[in-house]
Amino acid sequence: MTADSASINLTHHFLIAMPSLEDEAFAKSVVYVCEHSERGALGLVINKPSDLSMTGLFEKVDLSLHRQDLINAPVLQGGPVHTERGFVLHDAMVLDTPEQETEALNAVSGKDKAQESVYASTMTIPGGLEMTTSKDVLEALSMGAGPKRVLISLGYSAWGEGQLESELAENSWLTVGADTSVIFDTPVEQRYERAMKLLGLEPWMLSNDVGHS
């Protein structure tokens, strides 16, 4: 990897598939990048519904679903890796600690230790989102609680060291800073077009030989 490619950080960005990208898992996809570093990248496809309903997913883990706003929400195909596992993208849920304790922790660590997720296994994403893989977030949702805005996928997308940078160089993806309203407030079938509009583009404007942003 070159020094220039190592400096690219697409965390909290969308990858928008170019027409030339014909891979079944990613054709006409929008991927939300949860993490990107010199070691590689990890993300979730946000616009490809699976065959599993939200109710069906909760039944598989022996839970009922008491969040009426999620009953009709799609379970998505997040990518080709670990398709048997659930990944929950949601607004940050943090535990608050007393102000004096927060100041002491900050002084020792240089970080805001007060901002700790309420769930057992969670990745904090710059931009105000988290991705949780532990069952406790599903348990909270099943009781009618949990994060207000939620996207649940089966599987995730991953790129090894330098792999995403190579795909960008091959004009496989457009990139743009993520807008959470596209993830949570836009119907699945409209997310590709909405993500394009963040760049001032329409899908019909693209051809296989157009470069990426």
N, C-alpha and C. Protein backbone atom coordinates (compact mmCIF):
# COMPACT_ATOMS: atom_id res chain seq x y z
N MET A 1 0.85 -1.19 0.00
CA MET A 1 0.00 0.00 0.00
C MET A 1 0.88 1.24 0.00
N THR A 2 0.51 2.21 -0.76
CA THR A 2 1.27 3.44 -0.81
C THR A 2 0.93 4.31 0.38
N ALA A 3 1.77 5.31 0.63
CA ALA A 3 1.50 6.24 1.74
C ALA A 3 0.22 6.99 1.51
N ASP A 4 -0.07 7.32 0.22
CA ASP A 4 -1.28 8.06 -0.08
C ASP A 4 -2.52 7.24 0.22
N SER A 5 -2.51 5.94 -0.19
CA SER A 5 -3.69 5.11 0.04
C SER A 5 -3.88 4.86 1.53
N ALA A 6 -2.75 4.78 2.28
CA ALA A 6 -2.87 4.53 3.72
C ALA A 6 -3.55 5.68 4.43
N SER A 7 -3.50 6.87 3.85
CA SER A 7 -4.06 8.03 4.52
C SER A 7 -5.57 8.16 4.29
N ILE A 8 -6.12 7.38 3.38
CA ILE A 8 -7.55 7.44 3.11
C ILE A 8 -8.30 6.83 4.29
N ASN A 9 -9.31 7.54 4.79
CA ASN A 9 -10.14 6.99 5.86
C ASN A 9 -11.59 7.23 5.49
N LEU A 10 -12.28 6.16 5.13
CA LEU A 10 -13.67 6.26 4.70
C LEU A 10 -14.65 5.81 5.78
N THR A 11 -14.21 5.78 7.03
CA THR A 11 -15.13 5.51 8.13
C THR A 11 -16.26 6.53 8.11
N HIS A 12 -17.50 6.06 8.34
CA HIS A 12 -18.70 6.90 8.32
C HIS A 12 -18.90 7.54 6.94
N HIS A 13 -18.59 6.78 5.90
CA HIS A 13 -18.85 7.16 4.52
C HIS A 13 -19.73 6.10 3.86
N PHE A 14 -20.34 6.48 2.76
CA PHE A 14 -21.02 5.52 1.90
C PHE A 14 -20.10 5.14 0.75
N LEU A 15 -20.11 3.86 0.41
CA LEU A 15 -19.57 3.38 -0.86
C LEU A 15 -20.78 3.11 -1.76
N ILE A 16 -20.79 3.71 -2.93
CA ILE A 16 -21.90 3.55 -3.87
C ILE A 16 -21.39 2.80 -5.09
N ALA A 17 -21.96 1.64 -5.35
CA ALA A 17 -21.45 0.80 -6.43
C ALA A 17 -21.63 1.46 -7.79
N MET A 18 -20.57 1.46 -8.58
CA MET A 18 -20.64 1.91 -9.96
C MET A 18 -21.29 0.83 -10.83
N PRO A 19 -21.85 1.20 -11.97
CA PRO A 19 -22.48 0.20 -12.85
C PRO A 19 -21.53 -0.93 -13.26
N SER A 20 -20.23 -0.63 -13.28
CA SER A 20 -19.25 -1.65 -13.68
C SER A 20 -19.08 -2.74 -12.63
N LEU A 21 -19.55 -2.50 -11.41
CA LEU A 21 -19.41 -3.49 -10.33
C LEU A 21 -20.56 -4.48 -10.43
N GLU A 22 -20.27 -5.67 -10.92
CA GLU A 22 -21.31 -6.65 -11.20
C GLU A 22 -21.34 -7.81 -10.22
N ASP A 23 -20.48 -7.78 -9.21
CA ASP A 23 -20.48 -8.80 -8.17
C ASP A 23 -21.87 -8.89 -7.56
N GLU A 24 -22.39 -10.11 -7.42
CA GLU A 24 -23.78 -10.30 -6.97
C GLU A 24 -24.06 -9.64 -5.62
N ALA A 25 -23.08 -9.70 -4.72
CA ALA A 25 -23.29 -9.16 -3.38
C ALA A 25 -23.30 -7.64 -3.37
N PHE A 26 -22.67 -7.01 -4.37
CA PHE A 26 -22.47 -5.57 -4.30
C PHE A 26 -23.04 -4.77 -5.47
N ALA A 27 -23.56 -5.42 -6.48
CA ALA A 27 -24.12 -4.68 -7.62
C ALA A 27 -25.24 -3.76 -7.15
N LYS A 28 -25.18 -2.49 -7.56
CA LYS A 28 -26.16 -1.47 -7.20
C LYS A 28 -26.34 -1.34 -5.69
N SER A 29 -25.26 -1.53 -4.96
CA SER A 29 -25.34 -1.48 -3.50
C SER A 29 -24.85 -0.15 -2.95
N VAL A 30 -25.30 0.14 -1.75
CA VAL A 30 -24.75 1.23 -0.93
C VAL A 30 -24.22 0.58 0.34
N VAL A 31 -22.95 0.79 0.63
CA VAL A 31 -22.32 0.21 1.81
C VAL A 31 -21.99 1.33 2.79
N TYR A 32 -22.43 1.17 4.02
CA TYR A 32 -22.02 2.09 5.09
C TYR A 32 -20.74 1.56 5.70
N VAL A 33 -19.67 2.35 5.66
CA VAL A 33 -18.37 1.92 6.17
C VAL A 33 -18.30 2.19 7.67
N CYS A 34 -18.22 1.12 8.45
CA CYS A 34 -18.15 1.23 9.91
C CYS A 34 -16.73 1.46 10.40
N GLU A 35 -15.77 0.92 9.66
CA GLU A 35 -14.37 1.05 10.09
C GLU A 35 -13.48 0.96 8.87
N HIS A 36 -12.49 1.82 8.81
CA HIS A 36 -11.50 1.79 7.72
C HIS A 36 -10.16 2.22 8.28
N SER A 37 -9.16 1.39 8.10
CA SER A 37 -7.82 1.69 8.57
C SER A 37 -6.83 1.06 7.61
N GLU A 38 -5.55 1.16 7.95
CA GLU A 38 -4.53 0.55 7.08
C GLU A 38 -4.66 -0.97 7.04
N ARG A 39 -5.38 -1.55 7.99
CA ARG A 39 -5.56 -3.00 8.04
C ARG A 39 -6.69 -3.48 7.13
N GLY A 40 -7.56 -2.56 6.71
CA GLY A 40 -8.68 -2.95 5.86
C GLY A 40 -9.93 -2.17 6.22
N ALA A 41 -11.06 -2.69 5.79
CA ALA A 41 -12.32 -1.97 6.01
C ALA A 41 -13.44 -2.96 6.30
N LEU A 42 -14.45 -2.45 7.01
CA LEU A 42 -15.63 -3.24 7.37
C LEU A 42 -16.85 -2.37 7.21
N GLY A 43 -17.91 -2.93 6.61
CA GLY A 43 -19.12 -2.15 6.42
C GLY A 43 -20.35 -3.02 6.27
N LEU A 44 -21.50 -2.36 6.14
CA LEU A 44 -22.78 -3.04 5.98
C LEU A 44 -23.49 -2.51 4.73
N VAL A 45 -23.94 -3.42 3.88
CA VAL A 45 -24.80 -3.03 2.76
C VAL A 45 -26.14 -2.61 3.34
N ILE A 46 -26.64 -1.43 2.95
CA ILE A 46 -27.85 -0.90 3.58
C ILE A 46 -29.07 -0.91 2.66
N ASN A 47 -28.95 -1.51 1.47
CA ASN A 47 -30.09 -1.44 0.54
C ASN A 47 -30.43 -2.76 -0.14
N LYS A 48 -30.07 -3.89 0.50
CA LYS A 48 -30.41 -5.19 -0.07
C LYS A 48 -31.17 -6.03 0.97
N PRO A 49 -32.48 -6.09 0.87
CA PRO A 49 -33.27 -6.87 1.82
C PRO A 49 -32.99 -8.36 1.72
N SER A 50 -33.06 -9.04 2.85
CA SER A 50 -32.97 -10.50 2.86
C SER A 50 -34.38 -11.09 2.77
N ASP A 51 -34.45 -12.41 2.77
CA ASP A 51 -35.75 -13.08 2.74
C ASP A 51 -36.36 -13.23 4.13
N LEU A 52 -35.62 -12.82 5.15
CA LEU A 52 -36.06 -13.00 6.53
C LEU A 52 -36.76 -11.75 7.03
N SER A 53 -37.92 -11.92 7.65
CA SER A 53 -38.63 -10.78 8.23
C SER A 53 -38.05 -10.46 9.60
N MET A 54 -38.33 -9.26 10.10
CA MET A 54 -37.85 -8.88 11.42
C MET A 54 -38.44 -9.81 12.49
N THR A 55 -39.72 -10.13 12.36
CA THR A 55 -40.35 -11.05 13.31
C THR A 55 -39.68 -12.42 13.25
N GLY A 56 -39.39 -12.88 12.03
CA GLY A 56 -38.73 -14.16 11.86
C GLY A 56 -37.34 -14.19 12.49
N LEU A 57 -36.63 -13.08 12.37
CA LEU A 57 -35.30 -13.01 12.96
C LEU A 57 -35.38 -13.14 14.48
N PHE A 58 -36.32 -12.42 15.08
CA PHE A 58 -36.44 -12.48 16.54
C PHE A 58 -36.89 -13.86 16.99
N GLU A 59 -37.73 -14.50 16.22
CA GLU A 59 -38.15 -15.87 16.56
C GLU A 59 -36.96 -16.82 16.55
N LYS A 60 -36.02 -16.60 15.64
CA LYS A 60 -34.84 -17.46 15.54
C LYS A 60 -33.99 -17.41 16.79
N VAL A 61 -34.03 -16.28 17.49
CA VAL A 61 -33.24 -16.15 18.72
C VAL A 61 -34.13 -16.21 19.96
N ASP A 62 -35.32 -16.80 19.78
CA ASP A 62 -36.26 -17.05 20.88
C ASP A 62 -36.69 -15.78 21.60
N LEU A 63 -36.96 -14.74 20.81
CA LEU A 63 -37.46 -13.49 21.37
C LEU A 63 -38.70 -13.06 20.61
N SER A 64 -39.58 -12.35 21.29
CA SER A 64 -40.70 -11.70 20.60
C SER A 64 -40.31 -10.24 20.39
N LEU A 65 -40.99 -9.59 19.45
CA LEU A 65 -40.64 -8.21 19.12
C LEU A 65 -41.78 -7.29 19.51
N HIS A 66 -41.50 -6.37 20.45
CA HIS A 66 -42.51 -5.44 20.93
C HIS A 66 -42.22 -4.00 20.53
N ARG A 67 -41.46 -3.84 19.45
CA ARG A 67 -41.24 -2.51 18.88
C ARG A 67 -42.06 -2.43 17.59
N GLN A 68 -43.24 -1.81 17.69
CA GLN A 68 -44.15 -1.76 16.55
C GLN A 68 -43.52 -1.06 15.34
N ASP A 69 -42.62 -0.11 15.60
CA ASP A 69 -41.98 0.61 14.49
C ASP A 69 -41.03 -0.27 13.70
N LEU A 70 -40.65 -1.43 14.25
CA LEU A 70 -39.71 -2.31 13.56
C LEU A 70 -40.36 -3.54 12.93
N ILE A 71 -41.63 -3.77 13.23
CA ILE A 71 -42.31 -4.98 12.76
C ILE A 71 -42.15 -5.14 11.26
N ASN A 72 -42.33 -4.07 10.52
CA ASN A 72 -42.30 -4.16 9.05
C ASN A 72 -40.96 -3.75 8.45
N ALA A 73 -39.97 -3.50 9.30
CA ALA A 73 -38.65 -3.13 8.80
C ALA A 73 -37.97 -4.35 8.19
N PRO A 74 -37.19 -4.16 7.13
CA PRO A 74 -36.51 -5.30 6.50
C PRO A 74 -35.28 -5.72 7.29
N VAL A 75 -34.98 -7.00 7.25
CA VAL A 75 -33.68 -7.49 7.67
C VAL A 75 -32.82 -7.51 6.41
N LEU A 76 -31.67 -6.87 6.47
CA LEU A 76 -30.87 -6.67 5.26
C LEU A 76 -29.77 -7.71 5.09
N GLN A 77 -29.28 -7.82 3.86
CA GLN A 77 -28.09 -8.62 3.57
C GLN A 77 -26.89 -7.69 3.68
N GLY A 78 -26.21 -7.72 4.80
CA GLY A 78 -25.15 -6.76 5.06
C GLY A 78 -23.87 -7.02 4.29
N GLY A 79 -23.73 -8.21 3.77
CA GLY A 79 -22.53 -8.56 3.03
C GLY A 79 -22.31 -10.06 3.06
N PRO A 80 -21.28 -10.52 2.37
CA PRO A 80 -21.09 -11.97 2.21
C PRO A 80 -20.33 -12.66 3.34
N VAL A 81 -19.91 -11.91 4.37
CA VAL A 81 -19.12 -12.50 5.45
C VAL A 81 -20.02 -12.78 6.66
N HIS A 82 -19.93 -13.98 7.21
CA HIS A 82 -20.70 -14.39 8.40
C HIS A 82 -22.20 -14.09 8.22
N THR A 83 -22.76 -14.62 7.16
CA THR A 83 -24.17 -14.35 6.85
C THR A 83 -25.14 -14.99 7.84
N GLU A 84 -24.63 -15.83 8.73
CA GLU A 84 -25.49 -16.44 9.74
C GLU A 84 -25.59 -15.58 11.00
N ARG A 85 -24.82 -14.50 11.05
CA ARG A 85 -24.78 -13.65 12.24
C ARG A 85 -25.49 -12.33 12.01
N GLY A 86 -26.07 -11.79 13.09
CA GLY A 86 -26.77 -10.52 13.00
C GLY A 86 -25.87 -9.36 13.42
N PHE A 87 -26.03 -8.25 12.71
CA PHE A 87 -25.27 -7.03 13.00
C PHE A 87 -26.27 -5.88 13.09
N VAL A 88 -26.24 -5.16 14.20
CA VAL A 88 -27.23 -4.12 14.46
C VAL A 88 -26.53 -2.76 14.43
N LEU A 89 -26.91 -1.94 13.45
CA LEU A 89 -26.40 -0.58 13.34
C LEU A 89 -27.44 0.34 13.97
N HIS A 90 -26.99 1.22 14.87
CA HIS A 90 -27.97 2.01 15.62
C HIS A 90 -27.34 3.30 16.14
N ASP A 91 -28.20 4.20 16.60
CA ASP A 91 -27.74 5.41 17.27
C ASP A 91 -26.94 5.02 18.51
N ALA A 92 -25.97 5.84 18.86
CA ALA A 92 -25.14 5.56 20.03
C ALA A 92 -25.99 5.51 21.30
N MET A 93 -25.74 4.50 22.11
CA MET A 93 -26.39 4.35 23.41
C MET A 93 -25.27 4.32 24.45
N VAL A 94 -25.21 5.33 25.30
CA VAL A 94 -24.08 5.43 26.22
C VAL A 94 -24.53 5.43 27.66
N LEU A 95 -23.63 4.95 28.51
CA LEU A 95 -23.84 5.00 29.96
C LEU A 95 -23.22 6.28 30.49
N ASP A 96 -23.98 7.02 31.26
CA ASP A 96 -23.46 8.25 31.86
C ASP A 96 -22.84 7.94 33.22
N THR A 97 -21.70 8.57 33.50
CA THR A 97 -21.09 8.45 34.82
C THR A 97 -21.10 9.83 35.47
N PRO A 98 -21.00 9.89 36.80
CA PRO A 98 -21.01 11.18 37.48
C PRO A 98 -19.93 12.10 36.94
N GLU A 99 -20.20 13.40 36.96
CA GLU A 99 -19.29 14.38 36.36
C GLU A 99 -17.89 14.32 36.96
N GLN A 100 -17.80 14.16 38.28
CA GLN A 100 -16.48 14.12 38.92
C GLN A 100 -15.70 12.90 38.47
N GLU A 101 -16.39 11.76 38.35
CA GLU A 101 -15.72 10.54 37.90
C GLU A 101 -15.27 10.69 36.45
N THR A 102 -16.12 11.31 35.64
CA THR A 102 -15.78 11.54 34.23
C THR A 102 -14.51 12.36 34.11
N GLU A 103 -14.42 13.45 34.88
CA GLU A 103 -13.25 14.31 34.82
C GLU A 103 -11.99 13.56 35.24
N ALA A 104 -12.12 12.72 36.25
CA ALA A 104 -10.96 11.97 36.73
C ALA A 104 -10.50 10.97 35.67
N LEU A 105 -11.45 10.28 35.06
CA LEU A 105 -11.12 9.30 34.02
C LEU A 105 -10.49 9.98 32.82
N ASN A 106 -11.03 11.12 32.46
CA ASN A 106 -10.49 11.85 31.31
C ASN A 106 -9.05 12.29 31.58
N ALA A 107 -8.80 12.72 32.81
CA ALA A 107 -7.47 13.19 33.16
C ALA A 107 -6.44 12.06 33.08
N VAL A 108 -6.87 10.86 33.47
CA VAL A 108 -5.96 9.71 33.47
C VAL A 108 -5.74 9.17 32.06
N SER A 109 -6.81 9.04 31.30
CA SER A 109 -6.73 8.34 30.02
C SER A 109 -6.62 9.25 28.81
N GLY A 110 -7.06 10.49 28.97
CA GLY A 110 -7.10 11.38 27.81
C GLY A 110 -8.28 11.11 26.91
N LYS A 111 -9.16 10.20 27.31
CA LYS A 111 -10.34 9.87 26.52
C LYS A 111 -11.58 10.00 27.39
N ASP A 112 -12.73 10.11 26.72
CA ASP A 112 -13.99 10.24 27.45
C ASP A 112 -14.51 8.86 27.79
N LYS A 113 -14.06 8.32 28.90
CA LYS A 113 -14.46 6.98 29.33
C LYS A 113 -15.93 6.92 29.72
N ALA A 114 -16.56 8.09 29.92
CA ALA A 114 -17.97 8.08 30.27
C ALA A 114 -18.82 7.58 29.12
N GLN A 115 -18.31 7.72 27.89
CA GLN A 115 -19.06 7.32 26.72
C GLN A 115 -18.83 5.84 26.44
N GLU A 116 -19.41 4.98 27.23
CA GLU A 116 -19.30 3.53 27.06
C GLU A 116 -20.65 2.98 26.66
N SER A 117 -20.63 2.09 25.69
CA SER A 117 -21.89 1.55 25.20
C SER A 117 -22.59 0.73 26.29
N VAL A 118 -23.90 0.69 26.19
CA VAL A 118 -24.67 -0.09 27.16
C VAL A 118 -24.68 -1.57 26.80
N TYR A 119 -24.16 -1.93 25.61
CA TYR A 119 -24.22 -3.31 25.15
C TYR A 119 -22.85 -3.99 25.25
N ALA A 120 -22.88 -5.31 25.29
CA ALA A 120 -21.67 -6.08 25.61
C ALA A 120 -20.63 -6.04 24.51
N SER A 121 -21.06 -6.08 23.25
CA SER A 121 -20.11 -6.14 22.14
C SER A 121 -20.50 -5.11 21.08
N THR A 122 -19.89 -3.94 21.16
CA THR A 122 -20.28 -2.81 20.32
C THR A 122 -19.05 -2.10 19.76
N MET A 123 -19.12 -1.77 18.48
CA MET A 123 -18.12 -0.94 17.82
C MET A 123 -18.65 0.49 17.77
N THR A 124 -17.91 1.43 18.32
CA THR A 124 -18.29 2.84 18.25
C THR A 124 -17.76 3.43 16.96
N ILE A 125 -18.62 4.10 16.21
CA ILE A 125 -18.27 4.65 14.92
C ILE A 125 -18.31 6.17 15.00
N PRO A 126 -17.25 6.86 14.62
CA PRO A 126 -17.30 8.32 14.58
C PRO A 126 -18.46 8.77 13.70
N GLY A 127 -19.26 9.70 14.21
CA GLY A 127 -20.45 10.11 13.48
C GLY A 127 -21.72 9.84 14.25
N GLY A 128 -21.59 9.26 15.46
CA GLY A 128 -22.74 9.09 16.33
C GLY A 128 -23.45 7.77 16.24
N LEU A 129 -22.86 6.79 15.54
CA LEU A 129 -23.50 5.47 15.42
C LEU A 129 -22.66 4.41 16.12
N GLU A 130 -23.30 3.27 16.34
CA GLU A 130 -22.63 2.09 16.88
C GLU A 130 -23.10 0.86 16.11
N MET A 131 -22.25 -0.16 16.07
CA MET A 131 -22.65 -1.46 15.52
C MET A 131 -22.48 -2.50 16.60
N THR A 132 -23.57 -3.16 16.95
CA THR A 132 -23.58 -4.13 18.04
C THR A 132 -23.82 -5.53 17.50
N THR A 133 -23.07 -6.50 18.03
CA THR A 133 -23.22 -7.90 17.62
C THR A 133 -23.70 -8.79 18.76
N SER A 134 -23.83 -8.25 19.96
CA SER A 134 -24.27 -9.06 21.09
C SER A 134 -25.81 -9.10 21.16
N LYS A 135 -26.33 -10.18 21.73
CA LYS A 135 -27.77 -10.41 21.76
C LYS A 135 -28.50 -9.41 22.64
N ASP A 136 -27.80 -8.74 23.55
CA ASP A 136 -28.49 -7.86 24.50
C ASP A 136 -29.23 -6.71 23.80
N VAL A 137 -28.75 -6.25 22.64
CA VAL A 137 -29.47 -5.19 21.94
C VAL A 137 -30.79 -5.72 21.40
N LEU A 138 -30.82 -6.98 20.94
CA LEU A 138 -32.07 -7.58 20.49
C LEU A 138 -33.02 -7.79 21.66
N GLU A 139 -32.48 -8.14 22.82
CA GLU A 139 -33.32 -8.31 24.01
C GLU A 139 -33.97 -6.99 24.40
N ALA A 140 -33.21 -5.90 24.28
CA ALA A 140 -33.77 -4.58 24.60
C ALA A 140 -34.89 -4.23 23.62
N LEU A 141 -34.66 -4.48 22.33
CA LEU A 141 -35.68 -4.21 21.32
C LEU A 141 -36.91 -5.07 21.54
N SER A 142 -36.70 -6.31 21.94
CA SER A 142 -37.83 -7.22 22.14
C SER A 142 -38.75 -6.75 23.26
N MET A 143 -38.21 -5.98 24.19
CA MET A 143 -39.00 -5.47 25.32
C MET A 143 -39.58 -4.09 25.04
N GLY A 144 -39.40 -3.62 23.80
CA GLY A 144 -39.95 -2.32 23.44
C GLY A 144 -39.02 -1.17 23.72
N ALA A 145 -37.78 -1.48 24.10
CA ALA A 145 -36.79 -0.44 24.41
C ALA A 145 -35.71 -0.44 23.33
N GLY A 146 -34.47 -0.11 23.73
CA GLY A 146 -33.36 -0.11 22.81
C GLY A 146 -33.23 1.18 22.03
N PRO A 147 -32.29 1.22 21.08
CA PRO A 147 -32.05 2.44 20.30
C PRO A 147 -33.29 2.84 19.49
N LYS A 148 -33.45 4.14 19.30
CA LYS A 148 -34.60 4.63 18.53
C LYS A 148 -34.48 4.25 17.07
N ARG A 149 -33.30 4.46 16.49
CA ARG A 149 -33.11 4.15 15.06
C ARG A 149 -32.21 2.93 14.93
N VAL A 150 -32.69 1.95 14.15
CA VAL A 150 -32.04 0.64 14.09
C VAL A 150 -32.05 0.11 12.67
N LEU A 151 -30.93 -0.47 12.26
CA LEU A 151 -30.86 -1.26 11.03
C LEU A 151 -30.23 -2.59 11.39
N ILE A 152 -30.87 -3.68 11.00
CA ILE A 152 -30.36 -5.01 11.33
C ILE A 152 -30.03 -5.74 10.03
N SER A 153 -28.83 -6.29 9.99
CA SER A 153 -28.41 -7.04 8.81
C SER A 153 -27.88 -8.41 9.21
N LEU A 154 -27.92 -9.32 8.25
CA LEU A 154 -27.25 -10.61 8.38
C LEU A 154 -25.99 -10.54 7.53
N GLY A 155 -24.84 -10.78 8.16
CA GLY A 155 -23.58 -10.69 7.44
C GLY A 155 -23.05 -9.28 7.36
N TYR A 156 -21.79 -9.18 6.96
CA TYR A 156 -21.16 -7.87 6.78
C TYR A 156 -20.21 -7.94 5.60
N SER A 157 -19.69 -6.78 5.22
CA SER A 157 -18.75 -6.67 4.11
C SER A 157 -17.37 -6.35 4.66
N ALA A 158 -16.35 -6.96 4.09
CA ALA A 158 -15.00 -6.74 4.59
C ALA A 158 -14.00 -6.67 3.44
N TRP A 159 -12.97 -5.86 3.64
CA TRP A 159 -11.87 -5.72 2.69
C TRP A 159 -10.57 -5.86 3.46
N GLY A 160 -9.62 -6.60 2.91
CA GLY A 160 -8.32 -6.74 3.53
C GLY A 160 -7.45 -5.52 3.27
N GLU A 161 -6.23 -5.57 3.75
CA GLU A 161 -5.30 -4.45 3.62
C GLU A 161 -5.12 -4.05 2.15
N GLY A 162 -5.44 -2.81 1.85
CA GLY A 162 -5.26 -2.28 0.51
C GLY A 162 -6.31 -2.67 -0.50
N GLN A 163 -7.21 -3.59 -0.14
CA GLN A 163 -8.19 -4.10 -1.10
C GLN A 163 -9.20 -3.05 -1.52
N LEU A 164 -9.75 -2.31 -0.56
CA LEU A 164 -10.73 -1.28 -0.90
C LEU A 164 -10.07 -0.17 -1.72
N GLU A 165 -8.86 0.20 -1.35
CA GLU A 165 -8.14 1.23 -2.10
C GLU A 165 -7.95 0.80 -3.56
N SER A 166 -7.68 -0.50 -3.77
CA SER A 166 -7.53 -1.00 -5.13
C SER A 166 -8.84 -0.91 -5.90
N GLU A 167 -9.95 -1.24 -5.24
CA GLU A 167 -11.25 -1.16 -5.89
C GLU A 167 -11.62 0.28 -6.22
N LEU A 168 -11.23 1.21 -5.35
CA LEU A 168 -11.46 2.62 -5.63
C LEU A 168 -10.66 3.06 -6.86
N ALA A 169 -9.42 2.59 -6.95
CA ALA A 169 -8.57 2.94 -8.09
C ALA A 169 -9.12 2.36 -9.39
N GLU A 170 -9.87 1.27 -9.29
CA GLU A 170 -10.48 0.63 -10.47
C GLU A 170 -11.85 1.23 -10.79
N ASN A 171 -12.22 2.30 -10.09
CA ASN A 171 -13.51 2.98 -10.31
C ASN A 171 -14.71 2.07 -10.04
N SER A 172 -14.58 1.20 -9.04
CA SER A 172 -15.70 0.33 -8.68
C SER A 172 -16.72 1.03 -7.78
N TRP A 173 -16.27 2.07 -7.07
CA TRP A 173 -17.12 2.73 -6.08
C TRP A 173 -17.04 4.25 -6.20
N LEU A 174 -18.16 4.90 -5.94
CA LEU A 174 -18.20 6.31 -5.60
C LEU A 174 -18.18 6.40 -4.08
N THR A 175 -17.64 7.47 -3.53
CA THR A 175 -17.61 7.64 -2.08
C THR A 175 -18.18 9.00 -1.71
N VAL A 176 -18.88 9.03 -0.58
CA VAL A 176 -19.45 10.28 -0.08
C VAL A 176 -19.66 10.14 1.43
N GLY A 177 -19.53 11.24 2.16
CA GLY A 177 -19.80 11.21 3.59
C GLY A 177 -21.20 10.72 3.87
N ALA A 178 -21.35 9.89 4.89
CA ALA A 178 -22.64 9.26 5.18
C ALA A 178 -23.65 10.26 5.74
N ASP A 179 -24.89 10.07 5.36
CA ASP A 179 -26.03 10.81 5.90
C ASP A 179 -26.92 9.78 6.57
N THR A 180 -27.06 9.87 7.90
CA THR A 180 -27.80 8.83 8.62
C THR A 180 -29.27 8.76 8.23
N SER A 181 -29.82 9.84 7.66
CA SER A 181 -31.22 9.79 7.23
C SER A 181 -31.40 8.82 6.07
N VAL A 182 -30.35 8.61 5.28
CA VAL A 182 -30.43 7.63 4.20
C VAL A 182 -30.53 6.22 4.78
N ILE A 183 -29.81 5.99 5.89
CA ILE A 183 -29.80 4.68 6.53
C ILE A 183 -31.12 4.37 7.22
N PHE A 184 -31.62 5.34 7.97
CA PHE A 184 -32.74 5.04 8.88
C PHE A 184 -34.09 5.59 8.43
N ASP A 185 -34.10 6.63 7.62
CA ASP A 185 -35.37 7.30 7.30
C ASP A 185 -35.78 7.20 5.84
N THR A 186 -35.01 6.47 5.04
CA THR A 186 -35.29 6.34 3.62
C THR A 186 -35.68 4.91 3.28
N PRO A 187 -36.77 4.68 2.55
CA PRO A 187 -37.13 3.32 2.15
C PRO A 187 -35.97 2.62 1.44
N VAL A 188 -35.82 1.33 1.68
CA VAL A 188 -34.68 0.57 1.16
C VAL A 188 -34.51 0.77 -0.34
N GLU A 189 -35.62 0.74 -1.09
CA GLU A 189 -35.53 0.80 -2.55
C GLU A 189 -35.10 2.18 -3.05
N GLN A 190 -35.09 3.18 -2.17
CA GLN A 190 -34.70 4.53 -2.58
C GLN A 190 -33.29 4.92 -2.10
N ARG A 191 -32.63 4.05 -1.36
CA ARG A 191 -31.36 4.43 -0.73
C ARG A 191 -30.23 4.61 -1.75
N TYR A 192 -30.20 3.83 -2.81
CA TYR A 192 -29.16 3.98 -3.83
C TYR A 192 -29.27 5.35 -4.49
N GLU A 193 -30.49 5.71 -4.88
CA GLU A 193 -30.70 7.01 -5.52
C GLU A 193 -30.42 8.16 -4.56
N ARG A 194 -30.86 8.02 -3.30
CA ARG A 194 -30.63 9.08 -2.31
C ARG A 194 -29.14 9.27 -2.04
N ALA A 195 -28.41 8.17 -1.97
CA ALA A 195 -26.96 8.27 -1.76
C ALA A 195 -26.29 8.96 -2.94
N MET A 196 -26.74 8.64 -4.15
CA MET A 196 -26.23 9.31 -5.35
C MET A 196 -26.46 10.82 -5.28
N LYS A 197 -27.63 11.20 -4.80
CA LYS A 197 -27.98 12.62 -4.76
C LYS A 197 -27.09 13.40 -3.80
N LEU A 198 -26.48 12.72 -2.84
CA LEU A 198 -25.53 13.40 -1.95
C LEU A 198 -24.33 13.93 -2.75
N LEU A 199 -24.09 13.32 -3.91
CA LEU A 199 -23.01 13.77 -4.80
C LEU A 199 -23.54 14.64 -5.94
N GLY A 200 -24.85 14.92 -5.91
CA GLY A 200 -25.45 15.69 -6.99
C GLY A 200 -25.63 14.88 -8.26
N LEU A 201 -25.72 13.56 -8.12
CA LEU A 201 -25.82 12.67 -9.28
C LEU A 201 -27.14 11.93 -9.30
N GLU A 202 -27.52 11.47 -10.48
CA GLU A 202 -28.63 10.54 -10.68
C GLU A 202 -28.05 9.27 -11.29
N PRO A 203 -28.63 8.11 -10.99
CA PRO A 203 -28.09 6.86 -11.54
C PRO A 203 -27.92 6.86 -13.05
N TRP A 204 -28.83 7.51 -13.77
CA TRP A 204 -28.74 7.49 -15.23
C TRP A 204 -27.54 8.26 -15.75
N MET A 205 -26.94 9.10 -14.92
CA MET A 205 -25.79 9.88 -15.35
C MET A 205 -24.52 9.04 -15.44
N LEU A 206 -24.52 7.88 -14.82
CA LEU A 206 -23.30 7.09 -14.73
C LEU A 206 -23.18 6.10 -15.88
N SER A 207 -21.97 5.90 -16.31
CA SER A 207 -21.67 4.83 -17.26
C SER A 207 -20.47 4.06 -16.73
N ASN A 208 -20.15 2.97 -17.35
CA ASN A 208 -19.09 2.11 -16.83
C ASN A 208 -17.71 2.76 -16.85
N ASP A 209 -17.55 3.85 -17.59
CA ASP A 209 -16.22 4.46 -17.68
C ASP A 209 -16.12 5.79 -16.95
N VAL A 210 -17.12 6.10 -16.07
CA VAL A 210 -17.05 7.33 -15.29
C VAL A 210 -16.14 7.11 -14.08
N GLY A 211 -15.32 8.09 -13.76
CA GLY A 211 -14.42 7.99 -12.62
C GLY A 211 -15.16 8.18 -11.31
N HIS A 212 -14.48 7.90 -10.21
CA HIS A 212 -15.10 8.04 -8.88
C HIS A 212 -14.71 9.35 -8.24
N SER A 213 -15.52 9.75 -7.22
CA SER A 213 -15.21 10.98 -6.48
C SER A 213 -14.26 10.66 -5.35
